[in-house]
């Protein structure tokens, strides 16, 4: 079974140069783990939990996508 993909990729700031394209909850989780440069707020933690849950098939990919965008916008 192929991993779930986002309906549209999410483009996120990659430190001070470039961007990171998250197309799946797994890629989003990788970004949150390895490249997140902002504060680790409750929104960040929620996005991380939901991205991991989407990877595990517990929630759908779009739920994780919305949480990721919410964390990034804040």
Protein backbone atom coordinates (compact mmCIF):
# COMPACT_ATOMS: atom_id res chain seq x y z
CA UNK A 1 0.00 0.00 0.00
CA UNK A 2 1.41 3.37 -1.03
CA UNK A 3 1.68 6.09 1.60
CA UNK A 4 -1.06 8.71 1.54
CA UNK A 5 -0.25 11.94 -0.26
CA UNK A 6 -1.48 15.46 0.36
CA UNK A 7 -4.01 16.84 -2.14
CA UNK A 8 -1.49 19.62 -2.84
CA UNK A 9 2.11 19.85 -1.63
CA UNK A 10 2.97 22.23 1.19
CA UNK A 11 5.98 24.49 0.59
CA UNK A 12 7.82 25.35 3.79
CA UNK A 13 10.74 27.65 4.52
CA UNK A 14 14.02 25.78 4.74
CA UNK A 15 16.16 27.69 7.21
CA UNK A 16 17.14 30.95 5.51
CA UNK A 17 17.54 29.71 1.95
CA UNK A 18 15.20 27.72 -0.20
CA UNK A 19 12.08 25.75 0.52
CA UNK A 20 11.06 22.24 1.43
CA UNK A 21 8.20 20.57 -0.44
CA UNK A 22 6.15 18.19 1.68
CA UNK A 23 3.98 15.94 -0.49
CA UNK A 24 3.16 13.32 2.14
CA UNK A 25 2.68 13.18 5.91
CA UNK A 26 6.03 11.37 6.10
CA UNK A 27 7.83 14.21 4.36
CA UNK A 28 6.03 16.70 6.61
CA UNK A 29 7.09 14.74 9.70
CA UNK A 30 10.68 14.73 8.41
CA UNK A 31 10.53 18.52 8.01
CA UNK A 32 9.13 18.96 11.52
CA UNK A 33 11.81 16.69 13.00
CA UNK A 34 14.85 17.89 11.06
CA UNK A 35 14.27 21.33 9.60
CA UNK A 36 11.77 23.22 11.78
CA UNK A 37 13.43 26.45 12.87
CA UNK A 38 10.51 28.12 14.64
CA UNK A 39 9.38 27.76 18.23
CA UNK A 40 8.04 24.35 19.20
CA UNK A 41 4.60 25.59 20.12
CA UNK A 42 1.45 23.60 20.80
CA UNK A 43 0.59 23.99 17.10
CA UNK A 44 3.95 22.53 16.11
CA UNK A 45 3.47 19.60 18.49
CA UNK A 46 -0.06 18.98 17.20
CA UNK A 47 1.16 18.99 13.60
CA UNK A 48 3.89 16.52 14.48
CA UNK A 49 1.45 14.18 16.24
CA UNK A 50 -1.03 14.32 13.35
CA UNK A 51 1.64 13.81 10.68
CA UNK A 52 2.89 10.74 12.54
CA UNK A 53 -0.69 9.50 12.94
CA UNK A 54 -1.27 9.94 9.21
CA UNK A 55 1.88 7.96 8.44
CA UNK A 56 0.49 5.21 10.68
CA UNK A 57 -2.90 5.36 8.94
CA UNK A 58 -4.76 6.60 12.03
CA UNK A 59 -5.87 9.92 10.52
CA UNK A 60 -6.14 10.97 6.90
CA UNK A 61 -3.41 12.91 5.14
CA UNK A 62 -5.51 16.06 4.79
CA UNK A 63 -5.95 16.33 8.57
CA UNK A 64 -2.17 16.32 8.91
CA UNK A 65 -1.80 18.81 6.04
CA UNK A 66 -4.17 21.30 7.69
CA UNK A 67 -2.32 21.01 11.01
CA UNK A 68 1.05 21.50 9.27
CA UNK A 69 -0.15 24.64 7.50
CA UNK A 70 -1.63 25.97 10.73
CA UNK A 71 1.66 25.48 12.59
CA UNK A 72 3.68 27.06 9.79
CA UNK A 73 1.43 30.11 9.52
CA UNK A 74 1.72 30.83 13.23
